[in-house]
Protein backbone atom coordinates (compact mmCIF):
# COMPACT_ATOMS: atom_id res chain seq x y z
CA MET A 1 53.57 -32.72 16.45
CA PRO A 2 52.19 -36.12 15.30
CA ARG A 3 51.20 -36.27 11.66
CA LEU A 4 47.63 -37.30 12.60
CA LEU A 5 47.11 -34.13 14.64
CA THR A 6 48.81 -31.89 12.07
CA ALA A 7 46.74 -33.24 9.18
CA SER A 8 43.51 -32.96 11.16
CA LEU A 9 44.14 -29.33 12.08
CA LEU A 10 44.99 -28.48 8.49
CA VAL A 11 41.70 -29.99 7.32
CA LEU A 12 39.76 -28.09 9.99
CA GLY A 13 41.44 -24.83 9.04
CA ALA A 14 40.68 -25.33 5.37
CA ALA A 15 37.05 -26.15 6.11
CA ALA A 16 36.62 -23.03 8.23
CA THR A 17 38.24 -20.84 5.57
CA GLN A 18 35.98 -22.27 2.87
CA PHE A 19 32.89 -21.77 5.03
CA TYR A 20 33.60 -18.12 5.77
CA SER A 21 34.78 -17.21 2.28
CA GLY A 22 31.68 -18.83 0.71
CA ALA A 23 29.33 -16.88 2.96
CA ALA A 24 31.18 -13.63 2.36
CA GLN A 25 31.24 -13.93 -1.41
CA ALA A 26 27.54 -14.71 -1.59
CA HIS A 27 26.62 -11.19 -0.36
CA ILE A 28 22.87 -11.97 -0.21
CA HIS A 29 20.73 -15.09 -0.18
CA LEU A 30 16.95 -15.06 -0.64
CA LEU A 31 15.13 -17.08 2.05
CA GLU A 32 11.44 -16.35 1.38
CA PRO A 33 9.79 -16.88 -1.02
CA THR A 34 11.69 -19.96 -2.11
CA PRO A 35 14.52 -18.86 -4.44
CA ARG A 36 14.74 -20.06 -8.02
CA TYR A 37 18.27 -21.30 -7.50
CA PRO A 38 18.89 -23.13 -4.20
CA ASP A 39 22.16 -22.60 -2.31
CA GLN A 40 23.97 -20.81 -5.10
CA VAL A 41 27.71 -21.21 -5.46
CA ALA A 42 29.47 -18.17 -4.01
CA GLY A 43 29.53 -15.31 -6.48
CA GLU A 44 26.89 -16.66 -8.88
CA ASN A 45 24.28 -14.12 -7.85
CA LYS A 46 26.28 -11.37 -9.55
CA SER A 47 24.64 -12.24 -12.85
CA CYS A 48 21.40 -10.55 -13.89
CA PRO A 49 18.48 -10.89 -13.83
CA CYS A 50 18.14 -13.82 -11.38
CA GLY A 51 21.60 -14.63 -10.09
CA VAL A 52 22.95 -17.41 -12.27
CA GLY A 53 24.37 -16.87 -15.72
CA ARG A 54 27.34 -15.77 -17.75
CA SER A 55 26.96 -11.99 -17.74
CA ASN A 56 28.85 -11.51 -14.43
CA ARG A 57 27.21 -8.61 -12.64
CA ILE A 58 25.93 -6.62 -15.66
CA CYS A 59 23.65 -7.42 -18.59
CA GLN A 60 26.28 -7.15 -21.29
CA PHE A 61 24.07 -8.46 -24.08
CA GLU A 62 20.36 -8.13 -24.78
CA GLU A 63 19.87 -11.89 -24.48
CA ASP A 64 21.12 -11.65 -20.88
CA TYR A 65 18.21 -9.42 -19.87
CA SER A 66 15.92 -12.45 -19.45
CA ASP A 67 16.29 -15.73 -17.57
CA PRO A 68 14.08 -18.43 -19.13
CA ASP A 69 15.05 -21.14 -16.61
CA ARG A 70 11.93 -21.01 -14.46
CA SER A 71 11.90 -23.75 -11.86
CA THR A 72 9.24 -26.45 -11.95
CA ASP A 73 9.32 -27.57 -8.31
CA ARG A 74 10.14 -24.37 -6.39
CA ILE A 75 7.08 -22.24 -7.15
CA THR A 76 5.29 -20.39 -4.33
CA THR A 77 1.57 -19.62 -4.66
CA PHE A 78 0.05 -16.40 -3.33
CA GLU A 79 -3.38 -14.80 -3.39
CA ALA A 80 -3.92 -11.80 -5.65
CA GLY A 81 -3.38 -8.50 -3.87
CA SER A 82 -1.94 -10.10 -0.77
CA THR A 83 0.89 -8.61 1.28
CA VAL A 84 3.83 -10.99 1.61
CA VAL A 85 7.15 -10.92 3.45
CA VAL A 86 10.39 -11.11 1.49
CA ARG A 87 13.26 -12.35 3.71
CA TRP A 88 16.96 -12.57 2.91
CA ASP A 89 20.43 -12.84 4.45
CA GLU A 90 22.98 -10.12 3.91
CA TYR A 91 26.49 -11.53 4.33
CA VAL A 92 28.52 -8.52 3.17
CA ALA A 93 27.36 -5.02 4.08
CA HIS A 94 27.56 -2.31 1.42
CA ALA A 95 26.02 1.14 1.22
CA GLY A 96 23.37 1.22 -1.48
CA ARG A 97 19.78 0.05 -1.91
CA TYR A 98 17.60 -3.04 -1.98
CA ARG A 99 14.77 -3.37 -4.48
CA VAL A 100 12.00 -5.95 -4.89
CA ALA A 101 10.39 -5.98 -8.34
CA PHE A 102 7.79 -8.01 -10.22
CA ASP A 103 7.42 -9.52 -13.68
CA GLN A 104 3.95 -10.90 -14.50
CA ASP A 105 5.23 -13.19 -17.25
CA GLY A 106 8.77 -14.53 -17.05
CA ALA A 107 11.89 -12.90 -15.64
CA ASP A 108 13.06 -9.97 -17.74
CA MET A 109 15.14 -7.02 -16.57
CA VAL A 110 13.08 -4.49 -18.54
CA ASP A 111 9.86 -5.72 -16.90
CA PHE A 112 11.40 -5.72 -13.43
CA ASN A 113 12.51 -2.11 -13.93
CA ALA A 114 8.97 -1.20 -14.99
CA ASP A 115 7.29 -2.72 -11.91
CA PRO A 116 9.19 -2.19 -8.63
CA LEU A 117 7.22 -3.17 -5.53
CA ALA A 118 9.59 -1.76 -2.90
CA ASP A 119 12.88 0.14 -2.87
CA ILE A 120 14.70 0.81 0.42
CA PRO A 121 18.08 2.25 1.45
CA ASP A 122 20.89 0.07 2.79
CA PRO A 123 23.28 2.24 4.80
CA GLY A 124 25.87 -0.53 4.86
CA GLY A 125 25.87 -1.13 8.60
CA ARG A 126 24.01 -4.43 8.92
CA ARG A 127 26.84 -6.95 8.82
CA GLY A 128 26.44 -10.20 10.71
CA ASN A 129 28.87 -11.36 13.42
CA ALA A 130 31.58 -13.99 12.88
CA GLY A 131 30.62 -14.49 9.25
CA GLU A 132 26.91 -14.98 9.95
CA GLY A 133 24.31 -13.18 7.89
CA SER A 134 22.08 -10.32 8.92
CA ILE A 135 18.39 -11.02 8.27
CA TRP A 136 16.30 -8.47 6.39
CA GLU A 137 12.50 -8.55 6.08
CA LEU A 138 10.39 -6.43 3.77
CA GLU A 139 6.64 -6.47 3.17
CA VAL A 140 5.44 -6.05 -0.41
CA THR A 141 1.92 -6.05 -1.86
CA LEU A 142 1.39 -8.26 -4.88
CA PRO A 143 -0.66 -7.21 -7.94
CA GLU A 144 -4.38 -7.91 -8.08
CA THR A 145 -4.13 -9.74 -11.42
CA PRO A 146 -3.59 -13.54 -11.29
CA CYS A 147 -0.62 -14.98 -13.16
CA GLU A 148 0.90 -18.44 -13.63
CA ASN A 149 4.40 -17.51 -14.80
CA CYS A 150 5.31 -14.54 -12.60
CA THR A 151 8.52 -13.75 -10.77
CA LEU A 152 9.73 -11.69 -7.83
CA GLN A 153 13.22 -10.25 -8.09
CA LEU A 154 15.42 -9.06 -5.21
CA ILE A 155 18.48 -6.94 -6.01
CA GLN A 156 21.23 -5.44 -3.87
CA VAL A 157 22.83 -2.37 -5.50
CA MET A 158 26.12 -1.57 -3.77
CA ASP A 159 27.52 1.65 -5.25
CA GLY A 160 26.95 3.91 -2.25
CA GLU A 161 23.80 5.57 -3.60
CA THR A 162 21.27 5.40 -0.78
CA GLU A 163 19.00 8.32 -1.67
CA GLN A 164 17.61 7.66 -5.14
CA PRO A 165 15.43 4.62 -5.96
CA VAL A 166 16.89 2.16 -8.46
CA ASP A 167 15.53 2.88 -11.92
CA ASP A 168 17.88 0.41 -13.62
CA PRO A 169 20.64 -1.69 -11.97
CA ILE A 170 22.27 -2.61 -15.28
CA GLY A 171 25.89 -1.48 -15.32
CA ARG A 172 25.92 -0.90 -11.56
CA ASN A 173 27.50 -3.03 -8.82
CA THR A 174 24.53 -5.35 -8.27
CA TYR A 175 23.63 -8.76 -6.88
CA TYR A 176 20.47 -10.57 -8.03
CA GLN A 177 18.03 -13.19 -6.72
CA CYS A 178 14.63 -14.38 -8.02
CA ALA A 179 11.65 -16.33 -6.69
CA ASP A 180 9.24 -18.12 -9.03
CA ILE A 181 5.66 -17.49 -7.93
CA ARG A 182 2.09 -17.82 -9.14
CA ILE A 183 -0.81 -15.58 -8.16
CA VAL A 184 -4.34 -16.97 -7.92
CA GLU A 185 -7.72 -15.32 -7.38
CA ASP A 186 -8.60 -17.13 -4.18
CA LEU A 187 -6.37 -19.16 -1.91
CA PRO A 188 -7.50 -21.09 1.19
CA ASP A 189 -6.09 -19.62 4.40
CA ASP A 190 -4.16 -22.79 5.15
CA GLU A 191 -2.39 -22.62 1.78
CA ALA A 192 -1.28 -18.98 1.83
CA GLY A 193 2.32 -18.69 0.74
CA CYS A 194 2.40 -22.41 -0.01
CA SER A 195 5.40 -23.59 -2.00
CA ILE A 196 5.42 -26.69 -4.17
CA ALA A 197 8.78 -27.59 -2.68
CA PRO A 198 10.02 -26.37 0.71
CA ALA A 199 13.10 -24.18 0.80
CA PRO A 200 16.28 -26.16 1.51
CA ALA A 201 17.78 -26.02 4.96
CA ARG A 202 20.30 -23.20 5.25
CA GLY A 203 22.51 -25.34 7.46
CA ILE A 204 24.14 -24.31 10.72
CA GLY A 205 25.38 -20.76 11.18
CA ALA A 206 29.01 -19.82 10.97
CA GLY A 207 29.38 -19.57 14.76
CA ALA A 208 27.91 -23.04 15.29
CA ALA A 209 30.05 -24.42 12.49
CA LEU A 210 33.21 -23.01 14.04
CA GLY A 211 32.21 -24.42 17.42
CA SER A 212 31.81 -27.88 15.88
CA LEU A 213 35.20 -27.60 14.20
CA LEU A 214 36.90 -26.59 17.47
CA ALA A 215 35.21 -29.45 19.31
CA LEU A 216 36.48 -31.91 16.71
CA ALA A 217 39.96 -30.47 17.04
CA ALA A 218 39.83 -31.01 20.81
CA ILE A 219 38.85 -34.66 20.33
CA VAL A 220 41.71 -35.20 17.89
CA ARG A 221 44.13 -33.51 20.32
CA ARG A 222 43.04 -35.75 23.23
CA ARG A 223 43.45 -38.86 21.13
CA ALA A 224 46.91 -37.72 20.06
CA ARG A 225 48.23 -37.20 23.62
CA PRO A 226 49.53 -40.79 24.08
CA LEU A 227 51.54 -40.33 20.91
CA LEU A 228 53.06 -37.11 22.26
CA LYS A 229 54.25 -38.87 25.48
CA ARG A 230 56.12 -41.61 23.62
């Protein structure tokens, strides 16, 4: 086999492996509202309370309970008391629960535990096909009190407990995501759910990505045929 064709196929194989392994390791990715951390590196959302940090899945130290790194350009504004849709991808299915919680000032694990907005079972059967995610949507009602520094937290607890709501995910097998929001008294209809910065494009799905890779491989193979006949 010509070296050009061999090298090209090796590159394509490596790219496909990286694509699928990255999606699998991510477990969940918050889509709406705009997440605090865009396109997280695979595995980073293991750290509480918002998905990026050094605690690696559990809050080992008290200083890890809070995440002070609020974004400045990824804040979504909602009207007080409004019902909003939280959307996310699930890349790896596990039996457990999803919880959406609220902190009116900052992002602290104790405050999230004190103010859950929704808590639903995840039976572990909603895996996407060919490495693609499975979309979840959940409606939650926001508090009536305005706030400028508030946060929504999404967690996926994956220890097989589907019956009991999550009182505290610390020490359990958990993945974390946060969205920086602000709640105002009145919001014009055309600005409902308006974000200061739009969410980044998620990119093409795994199936489309694989199709593109195979198409490129076919082109390389056709170009290599004259070399094979010599």
